[in-house]
PDB file of all heavy atoms in Angstrom:
ATOM      1  N   VAL A   1      -1.058 -11.655  -1.930  1.00  0.00           N
ATOM      2  CA  VAL A   1      -2.444 -11.708  -2.067  1.00  0.00           C
ATOM      3  C   VAL A   1      -3.078 -11.036  -0.889  1.00  0.00           C
ATOM      4  O   VAL A   1      -2.730 -11.489   0.284  1.00  0.00           O
ATOM      5  CB  VAL A   1      -3.077 -13.127  -2.255  1.00  0.00           C
ATOM      6  CG1 VAL A   1      -4.578 -13.060  -2.380  1.00  0.00           C
ATOM      7  CG2 VAL A   1      -2.422 -13.826  -3.447  1.00  0.00           C
ATOM      8  N   TYR A   2      -3.818  -9.952  -1.091  1.00  0.00           N
ATOM      9  CA  TYR A   2      -4.375  -9.133   0.067  1.00  0.00           C
ATOM     10  C   TYR A   2      -5.849  -9.463   0.049  1.00  0.00           C
ATOM     11  O   TYR A   2      -6.516  -9.805  -0.930  1.00  0.00           O
ATOM     12  CB  TYR A   2      -4.026  -7.682  -0.083  1.00  0.00           C
ATOM     13  CG  TYR A   2      -2.610  -7.392  -0.292  1.00  0.00           C
ATOM     14  CD1 TYR A   2      -2.100  -6.990  -1.530  1.00  0.00           C
ATOM     15  CD2 TYR A   2      -1.719  -7.642   0.750  1.00  0.00           C
ATOM     16  CE1 TYR A   2      -0.772  -6.768  -1.683  1.00  0.00           C
ATOM     17  CE2 TYR A   2      -0.414  -7.407   0.587  1.00  0.00           C
ATOM     18  CZ  TYR A   2       0.085  -6.986  -0.648  1.00  0.00           C
ATOM     19  OH  TYR A   2       1.422  -6.711  -0.893  1.00  0.00           O
ATOM     20  N   GLY A   3      -6.485  -9.182   1.224  1.00  0.00           N
ATOM     21  CA  GLY A   3      -7.912  -9.217   1.314  1.00  0.00           C
ATOM     22  C   GLY A   3      -8.525  -7.966   0.808  1.00  0.00           C
ATOM     23  O   GLY A   3      -7.847  -7.101   0.167  1.00  0.00           O
ATOM     24  N   LYS A   4      -9.793  -7.864   1.051  1.00  0.00           N
ATOM     25  CA  LYS A   4     -10.537  -6.662   0.460  1.00  0.00           C
ATOM     26  C   LYS A   4     -10.011  -5.336   0.878  1.00  0.00           C
ATOM     27  O   LYS A   4      -9.715  -4.448   0.021  1.00  0.00           O
ATOM     28  CB  LYS A   4     -12.015  -6.791   0.936  1.00  0.00           C
ATOM     29  CG  LYS A   4     -12.891  -5.543   0.476  1.00  0.00           C
ATOM     30  CD  LYS A   4     -14.349  -5.741   1.049  1.00  0.00           C
ATOM     31  CE  LYS A   4     -15.138  -4.575   0.672  1.00  0.00           C
ATOM     32  NZ  LYS A   4     -16.576  -4.786   1.146  1.00  0.00           N
ATOM     33  N   TYR A   5      -9.746  -5.156   2.121  1.00  0.00           N
ATOM     34  CA  TYR A   5      -9.257  -3.841   2.628  1.00  0.00           C
ATOM     35  C   TYR A   5      -7.819  -3.621   2.393  1.00  0.00           C
ATOM     36  O   TYR A   5      -7.416  -2.449   2.081  1.00  0.00           O
ATOM     37  CB  TYR A   5      -9.639  -3.750   4.124  1.00  0.00           C
ATOM     38  CG  TYR A   5     -11.079  -3.805   4.393  1.00  0.00           C
ATOM     39  CD1 TYR A   5     -11.652  -4.925   4.914  1.00  0.00           C
ATOM     40  CD2 TYR A   5     -11.916  -2.775   3.926  1.00  0.00           C
ATOM     41  CE1 TYR A   5     -13.066  -5.030   5.105  1.00  0.00           C
ATOM     42  CE2 TYR A   5     -13.294  -2.903   4.167  1.00  0.00           C
ATOM     43  CZ  TYR A   5     -13.845  -4.000   4.669  1.00  0.00           C
ATOM     44  OH  TYR A   5     -15.225  -4.105   4.792  1.00  0.00           O
ATOM     45  N   GLY A   6      -7.011  -4.558   2.406  1.00  0.00           N
ATOM     46  CA  GLY A   6      -5.587  -4.454   2.015  1.00  0.00           C
ATOM     47  C   GLY A   6      -5.433  -4.072   0.531  1.00  0.00           C
ATOM     48  O   GLY A   6      -4.632  -3.222   0.145  1.00  0.00           O
ATOM     49  N   THR A   7      -6.348  -4.619  -0.335  1.00  0.00           N
ATOM     50  CA  THR A   7      -6.340  -4.252  -1.752  1.00  0.00           C
ATOM     51  C   THR A   7      -6.915  -2.894  -1.946  1.00  0.00           C
ATOM     52  O   THR A   7      -6.297  -2.197  -2.820  1.00  0.00           O
ATOM     53  CB  THR A   7      -7.299  -5.224  -2.513  1.00  0.00           C
ATOM     54  OG1 THR A   7      -6.772  -6.593  -2.300  1.00  0.00           O
ATOM     55  CG2 THR A   7      -7.194  -4.926  -3.993  1.00  0.00           C
ATOM     56  N   LEU A   8      -7.936  -2.428  -1.258  1.00  0.00           N
ATOM     57  CA  LEU A   8      -8.312  -1.069  -1.303  1.00  0.00           C
ATOM     58  C   LEU A   8      -7.264  -0.082  -0.884  1.00  0.00           C
ATOM     59  O   LEU A   8      -7.065   0.900  -1.457  1.00  0.00           O
ATOM     60  CB  LEU A   8      -9.648  -0.919  -0.534  1.00  0.00           C
ATOM     61  CG  LEU A   8     -10.900  -1.564  -1.120  1.00  0.00           C
ATOM     62  CD1 LEU A   8     -12.023  -1.433  -0.081  1.00  0.00           C
ATOM     63  CD2 LEU A   8     -11.281  -0.938  -2.375  1.00  0.00           C
ATOM     64  N   ALA A   9      -6.609  -0.479   0.178  1.00  0.00           N
ATOM     65  CA  ALA A   9      -5.548   0.439   0.745  1.00  0.00           C
ATOM     66  C   ALA A   9      -4.422   0.541  -0.284  1.00  0.00           C
ATOM     67  O   ALA A   9      -3.779   1.564  -0.517  1.00  0.00           O
ATOM     68  CB  ALA A   9      -5.026  -0.049   2.050  1.00  0.00           C
ATOM     69  N   LYS A  10      -4.031  -0.606  -0.947  1.00  0.00           N
ATOM     70  CA  LYS A  10      -3.084  -0.614  -1.917  1.00  0.00           C
ATOM     71  C   LYS A  10      -3.318   0.295  -3.087  1.00  0.00           C
ATOM     72  O   LYS A  10      -2.493   1.096  -3.526  1.00  0.00           O
ATOM     73  CB  LYS A  10      -2.845  -2.043  -2.460  1.00  0.00           C
ATOM     74  CG  LYS A  10      -1.677  -2.230  -3.472  1.00  0.00           C
ATOM     75  CD  LYS A  10      -1.600  -3.693  -3.858  1.00  0.00           C
ATOM     76  CE  LYS A  10      -0.445  -3.927  -4.765  1.00  0.00           C
ATOM     77  NZ  LYS A  10      -0.751  -3.807  -6.089  1.00  0.00           N
ATOM     78  N   ILE A  11      -4.548   0.155  -3.611  1.00  0.00           N
ATOM     79  CA  ILE A  11      -5.042   1.006  -4.724  1.00  0.00           C
ATOM     80  C   ILE A  11      -4.923   2.470  -4.262  1.00  0.00           C
ATOM     81  O   ILE A  11      -4.388   3.361  -5.062  1.00  0.00           O
ATOM     82  CB  ILE A  11      -6.384   0.643  -5.224  1.00  0.00           C
ATOM     83  CG1 ILE A  11      -6.350  -0.760  -5.844  1.00  0.00           C
ATOM     84  CG2 ILE A  11      -6.985   1.648  -6.118  1.00  0.00           C
ATOM     85  CD1 ILE A  11      -7.730  -1.386  -5.999  1.00  0.00           C
ATOM     86  N   TYR A  12      -5.512   2.833  -3.134  1.00  0.00           N
ATOM     87  CA  TYR A  12      -5.521   4.216  -2.668  1.00  0.00           C
ATOM     88  C   TYR A  12      -4.068   4.744  -2.497  1.00  0.00           C
ATOM     89  O   TYR A  12      -3.831   5.835  -2.941  1.00  0.00           O
ATOM     90  CB  TYR A  12      -6.235   4.291  -1.318  1.00  0.00           C
ATOM     91  CG  TYR A  12      -6.194   5.635  -0.795  1.00  0.00           C
ATOM     92  CD1 TYR A  12      -6.894   6.764  -1.222  1.00  0.00           C
ATOM     93  CD2 TYR A  12      -5.385   5.898   0.399  1.00  0.00           C
ATOM     94  CE1 TYR A  12      -6.856   7.978  -0.684  1.00  0.00           C
ATOM     95  CE2 TYR A  12      -5.244   7.193   0.902  1.00  0.00           C
ATOM     96  CZ  TYR A  12      -6.023   8.246   0.429  1.00  0.00           C
ATOM     97  OH  TYR A  12      -5.970   9.414   0.929  1.00  0.00           O
ATOM     98  N   LEU A  13      -3.243   3.986  -1.877  1.00  0.00           N
ATOM     99  CA  LEU A  13      -1.829   4.497  -1.598  1.00  0.00           C
ATOM    100  C   LEU A  13      -1.120   4.621  -2.906  1.00  0.00           C
ATOM    101  O   LEU A  13      -0.424   5.693  -3.054  1.00  0.00           O
ATOM    102  CB  LEU A  13      -1.085   3.528  -0.665  1.00  0.00           C
ATOM    103  CG  LEU A  13      -1.612   3.448   0.770  1.00  0.00           C
ATOM    104  CD1 LEU A  13      -0.908   2.305   1.458  1.00  0.00           C
ATOM    105  CD2 LEU A  13      -1.290   4.798   1.425  1.00  0.00           C
ATOM    106  N   GLU A  14      -1.160   3.718  -3.874  1.00  0.00           N
ATOM    107  CA  GLU A  14      -0.477   3.822  -5.026  1.00  0.00           C
ATOM    108  C   GLU A  14      -1.000   4.888  -6.011  1.00  0.00           C
ATOM    109  O   GLU A  14      -0.277   5.630  -6.771  1.00  0.00           O
ATOM    110  CB  GLU A  14      -0.558   2.520  -5.836  1.00  0.00           C
ATOM    111  CG  GLU A  14       0.359   1.518  -5.110  1.00  0.00           C
ATOM    112  CD  GLU A  14       0.276   0.091  -5.706  1.00  0.00           C
ATOM    113  OE1 GLU A  14      -0.417  -0.110  -6.694  1.00  0.00           O
ATOM    114  OE2 GLU A  14       1.033  -0.793  -5.258  1.00  0.00           O
ATOM    115  N   GLU A  15      -2.293   5.248  -5.831  1.00  0.00           N
ATOM    116  CA  GLU A  15      -2.797   6.407  -6.613  1.00  0.00           C
ATOM    117  C   GLU A  15      -2.672   7.765  -5.998  1.00  0.00           C
ATOM    118  O   GLU A  15      -2.498   8.738  -6.709  1.00  0.00           O
ATOM    119  CB  GLU A  15      -4.310   6.143  -6.998  1.00  0.00           C
ATOM    120  CG  GLU A  15      -4.617   4.975  -7.878  1.00  0.00           C
ATOM    121  CD  GLU A  15      -5.969   4.620  -8.155  1.00  0.00           C
ATOM    122  OE1 GLU A  15      -6.863   5.324  -7.532  1.00  0.00           O
ATOM    123  OE2 GLU A  15      -6.271   3.800  -8.992  1.00  0.00           O
ATOM    124  N   ASN A  16      -2.723   7.814  -4.694  1.00  0.00           N
ATOM    125  CA  ASN A  16      -2.752   9.052  -3.983  1.00  0.00           C
ATOM    126  C   ASN A  16      -1.644   9.401  -2.991  1.00  0.00           C
ATOM    127  O   ASN A  16      -1.380  10.572  -2.634  1.00  0.00           O
ATOM    128  CB  ASN A  16      -4.150   9.205  -3.255  1.00  0.00           C
ATOM    129  CG  ASN A  16      -5.371   9.084  -4.159  1.00  0.00           C
ATOM    130  OD1 ASN A  16      -5.415   9.886  -5.089  1.00  0.00           O
ATOM    131  ND2 ASN A  16      -6.081   8.107  -3.919  1.00  0.00           N
ATOM    132  N   ARG A  17      -0.979   8.387  -2.462  1.00  0.00           N
ATOM    133  CA  ARG A  17      -0.003   8.558  -1.434  1.00  0.00           C
ATOM    134  C   ARG A  17       1.225   7.736  -1.738  1.00  0.00           C
ATOM    135  O   ARG A  17       1.702   7.010  -0.916  1.00  0.00           O
ATOM    136  CB  ARG A  17      -0.648   8.081  -0.047  1.00  0.00           C
ATOM    137  CG  ARG A  17      -1.857   8.695   0.368  1.00  0.00           C
ATOM    138  CD  ARG A  17      -1.766  10.021   1.035  1.00  0.00           C
ATOM    139  NE  ARG A  17      -0.734  10.117   1.981  1.00  0.00           N
ATOM    140  CZ  ARG A  17      -0.865   9.753   3.305  1.00  0.00           C
ATOM    141  NH1 ARG A  17      -1.932   9.367   3.795  1.00  0.00           N
ATOM    142  NH2 ARG A  17       0.178   9.962   4.122  1.00  0.00           N
ATOM    143  N   TRP A  18       1.762   7.926  -2.948  1.00  0.00           N
ATOM    144  CA  TRP A  18       2.987   7.198  -3.366  1.00  0.00           C
ATOM    145  C   TRP A  18       4.192   7.414  -2.532  1.00  0.00           C
ATOM    146  O   TRP A  18       5.045   6.529  -2.388  1.00  0.00           O
ATOM    147  CB  TRP A  18       3.290   7.521  -4.826  1.00  0.00           C
ATOM    148  CG  TRP A  18       3.569   8.938  -5.062  1.00  0.00           C
ATOM    149  CD1 TRP A  18       2.608   9.946  -5.455  1.00  0.00           C
ATOM    150  CD2 TRP A  18       4.764   9.639  -4.898  1.00  0.00           C
ATOM    151  NE1 TRP A  18       3.231  11.155  -5.488  1.00  0.00           N
ATOM    152  CE2 TRP A  18       4.519  11.049  -5.160  1.00  0.00           C
ATOM    153  CE3 TRP A  18       6.005   9.276  -4.501  1.00  0.00           C
ATOM    154  CZ2 TRP A  18       5.545  12.050  -5.049  1.00  0.00           C
ATOM    155  CZ3 TRP A  18       6.972  10.226  -4.501  1.00  0.00           C
ATOM    156  CH2 TRP A  18       6.723  11.592  -4.668  1.00  0.00           C
ATOM    157  N   GLU A  19       4.226   8.580  -1.857  1.00  0.00           N
ATOM    158  CA  GLU A  19       5.389   8.841  -0.942  1.00  0.00           C
ATOM    159  C   GLU A  19       5.368   7.876   0.252  1.00  0.00           C
ATOM    160  O   GLU A  19       6.374   7.469   0.729  1.00  0.00           O
ATOM    161  CB  GLU A  19       5.429  10.274  -0.478  1.00  0.00           C
ATOM    162  CG  GLU A  19       4.296  10.786   0.377  1.00  0.00           C
ATOM    163  CD  GLU A  19       2.944  11.134  -0.391  1.00  0.00           C
ATOM    164  OE1 GLU A  19       2.936  11.095  -1.694  1.00  0.00           O
ATOM    165  OE2 GLU A  19       2.034  11.377   0.261  1.00  0.00           O
ATOM    166  N   LYS A  20       4.171   7.487   0.620  1.00  0.00           N
ATOM    167  CA  LYS A  20       4.068   6.568   1.804  1.00  0.00           C
ATOM    168  C   LYS A  20       4.434   5.216   1.338  1.00  0.00           C
ATOM    169  O   LYS A  20       5.131   4.575   2.108  1.00  0.00           O
ATOM    170  CB  LYS A  20       2.655   6.540   2.362  1.00  0.00           C
ATOM    171  CG  LYS A  20       2.426   5.761   3.576  1.00  0.00           C
ATOM    172  CD  LYS A  20       1.155   5.867   4.287  1.00  0.00           C
ATOM    173  CE  LYS A  20       1.005   5.136   5.479  1.00  0.00           C
ATOM    174  NZ  LYS A  20      -0.253   5.377   6.153  1.00  0.00           N
ATOM    175  N   VAL A  21       4.133   4.805   0.144  1.00  0.00           N
ATOM    176  CA  VAL A  21       4.511   3.527  -0.368  1.00  0.00           C
ATOM    177  C   VAL A  21       6.088   3.475  -0.465  1.00  0.00           C
ATOM    178  O   VAL A  21       6.699   2.459  -0.118  1.00  0.00           O
ATOM    179  CB  VAL A  21       3.969   3.382  -1.799  1.00  0.00           C
ATOM    180  CG1 VAL A  21       4.479   2.006  -2.430  1.00  0.00           C
ATOM    181  CG2 VAL A  21       2.394   3.250  -1.740  1.00  0.00           C
ATOM    182  N   ALA A  22       6.659   4.602  -0.910  1.00  0.00           N
ATOM    183  CA  ALA A  22       8.099   4.619  -1.000  1.00  0.00           C
ATOM    184  C   ALA A  22       8.804   4.619   0.396  1.00  0.00           C
ATOM    185  O   ALA A  22       9.862   3.996   0.501  1.00  0.00           O
ATOM    186  CB  ALA A  22       8.591   5.918  -1.742  1.00  0.00           C
ATOM    187  N   ALA A  23       8.159   5.229   1.291  1.00  0.00           N
ATOM    188  CA  ALA A  23       8.723   5.324   2.634  1.00  0.00           C
ATOM    189  C   ALA A  23       8.662   4.013   3.330  1.00  0.00           C
ATOM    190  O   ALA A  23       9.508   3.487   4.012  1.00  0.00           O
ATOM    191  CB  ALA A  23       7.948   6.291   3.566  1.00  0.00           C
ATOM    192  N   LEU A  24       7.504   3.115   3.022  1.00  0.00           N
ATOM    193  CA  LEU A  24       7.433   1.810   3.612  1.00  0.00           C
ATOM    194  C   LEU A  24       8.408   0.813   2.976  1.00  0.00           C
ATOM    195  O   LEU A  24       8.893  -0.082   3.712  1.00  0.00           O
ATOM    196  CB  LEU A  24       6.016   1.220   3.385  1.00  0.00           C
ATOM    197  CG  LEU A  24       4.923   1.928   4.254  1.00  0.00           C
ATOM    198  CD1 LEU A  24       3.521   1.556   3.727  1.00  0.00           C
ATOM    199  CD2 LEU A  24       5.031   1.549   5.731  1.00  0.00           C
ATOM    200  N   GLY A  25       8.766   1.001   1.719  1.00  0.00           N
ATOM    201  CA  GLY A  25       9.780   0.150   1.177  1.00  0.00           C
ATOM    202  C   GLY A  25       9.428  -1.384   1.191  1.00  0.00           C
ATOM    203  O   GLY A  25       8.336  -1.781   0.760  1.00  0.00           O
ATOM    204  N   LYS A  26      10.410  -2.168   1.790  1.00  0.00           N
ATOM    205  CA  LYS A  26      10.177  -3.582   1.805  1.00  0.00           C
ATOM    206  C   LYS A  26       8.995  -3.934   2.770  1.00  0.00           C
ATOM    207  O   LYS A  26       8.486  -5.060   2.782  1.00  0.00           O
ATOM    208  CB  LYS A  26      11.408  -4.290   2.224  1.00  0.00           C
ATOM    209  CG  LYS A  26      12.443  -4.243   1.145  1.00  0.00           C
ATOM    210  CD  LYS A  26      13.690  -5.001   1.575  1.00  0.00           C
ATOM    211  CE  LYS A  26      14.730  -5.070   0.477  1.00  0.00           C
ATOM    212  NZ  LYS A  26      15.959  -5.851   0.841  1.00  0.00           N
ATOM    213  N   ASP A  27       8.605  -3.086   3.702  1.00  0.00           N
ATOM    214  CA  ASP A  27       7.598  -3.326   4.637  1.00  0.00           C
ATOM    215  C   ASP A  27       6.240  -3.153   4.105  1.00  0.00           C
ATOM    216  O   ASP A  27       5.160  -3.372   4.761  1.00  0.00           O
ATOM    217  CB  ASP A  27       7.697  -2.466   5.879  1.00  0.00           C
ATOM    218  CG  ASP A  27       8.996  -2.799   6.613  1.00  0.00           C
ATOM    219  OD1 ASP A  27       9.475  -3.934   6.622  1.00  0.00           O
ATOM    220  OD2 ASP A  27       9.597  -1.781   7.282  1.00  0.00           O
ATOM    221  N   TYR A  28       6.069  -2.725   2.873  1.00  0.00           N
ATOM    222  CA  TYR A  28       4.718  -2.420   2.236  1.00  0.00           C
ATOM    223  C   TYR A  28       3.857  -3.605   2.232  1.00  0.00           C
ATOM    224  O   TYR A  28       2.664  -3.512   2.669  1.00  0.00           O
ATOM    225  CB  TYR A  28       5.069  -1.943   0.847  1.00  0.00           C
ATOM    226  CG  TYR A  28       3.841  -1.473   0.014  1.00  0.00           C
ATOM    227  CD1 TYR A  28       2.941  -0.546   0.587  1.00  0.00           C
ATOM    228  CD2 TYR A  28       3.599  -1.951  -1.180  1.00  0.00           C
ATOM    229  CE1 TYR A  28       1.785  -0.092  -0.056  1.00  0.00           C
ATOM    230  CE2 TYR A  28       2.480  -1.540  -1.900  1.00  0.00           C
ATOM    231  CZ  TYR A  28       1.616  -0.618  -1.353  1.00  0.00           C
ATOM    232  OH  TYR A  28       0.448  -0.244  -2.134  1.00  0.00           O
ATOM    233  N   PRO A  29       4.225  -4.825   1.815  1.00  0.00           N
ATOM    234  CA  PRO A  29       3.281  -6.010   1.923  1.00  0.00           C
ATOM    235  C   PRO A  29       2.873  -6.293   3.302  1.00  0.00           C
ATOM    236  O   PRO A  29       1.657  -6.576   3.488  1.00  0.00           O
ATOM    237  CB  PRO A  29       4.151  -7.134   1.301  1.00  0.00           C
ATOM    238  CG  PRO A  29       5.222  -6.500   0.456  1.00  0.00           C
ATOM    239  CD  PRO A  29       5.470  -5.218   1.197  1.00  0.00           C
ATOM    240  N   GLU A  30       3.764  -6.200   4.243  1.00  0.00           N
ATOM    241  CA  GLU A  30       3.356  -6.555   5.622  1.00  0.00           C
ATOM    242  C   GLU A  30       2.385  -5.481   6.168  1.00  0.00           C
ATOM    243  O   GLU A  30       1.475  -5.745   6.875  1.00  0.00           O
ATOM    244  CB  GLU A  30       4.637  -6.514   6.501  1.00  0.00           C
ATOM    245  CG  GLU A  30       4.352  -6.954   7.992  1.00  0.00           C
ATOM    246  CD  GLU A  30       3.603  -8.321   8.087  1.00  0.00           C
ATOM    247  OE1 GLU A  30       3.902  -9.269   7.309  1.00  0.00           O
ATOM    248  OE2 GLU A  30       2.652  -8.383   8.932  1.00  0.00           O
ATOM    249  N   TYR A  31       2.614  -4.171   5.763  1.00  0.00           N
ATOM    250  CA  TYR A  31       1.695  -3.192   6.082  1.00  0.00           C
ATOM    251  C   TYR A  31       0.216  -3.432   5.557  1.00  0.00           C
ATOM    252  O   TYR A  31      -0.760  -3.312   6.294  1.00  0.00           O
ATOM    253  CB  TYR A  31       2.206  -1.784   5.587  1.00  0.00           C
ATOM    254  CG  TYR A  31       1.219  -0.617   5.759  1.00  0.00           C
ATOM    255  CD1 TYR A  31       1.106  -0.059   7.048  1.00  0.00           C
ATOM    256  CD2 TYR A  31       0.455  -0.196   4.638  1.00  0.00           C
ATOM    257  CE1 TYR A  31       0.198   1.016   7.141  1.00  0.00           C
ATOM    258  CE2 TYR A  31      -0.369   0.839   4.850  1.00  0.00           C
ATOM    259  CZ  TYR A  31      -0.507   1.436   6.037  1.00  0.00           C
ATOM    260  OH  TYR A  31      -1.382   2.620   6.208  1.00  0.00           O
TER     261      TYR A  31
END
């Protein structure tokens, strides 16, 4: 469960920067 800005970042990354999500891997939730 993320806060407002973590959720906004999640949406943005998954829609526009999927390569960064893949690079973060297991560290994605902590990021």
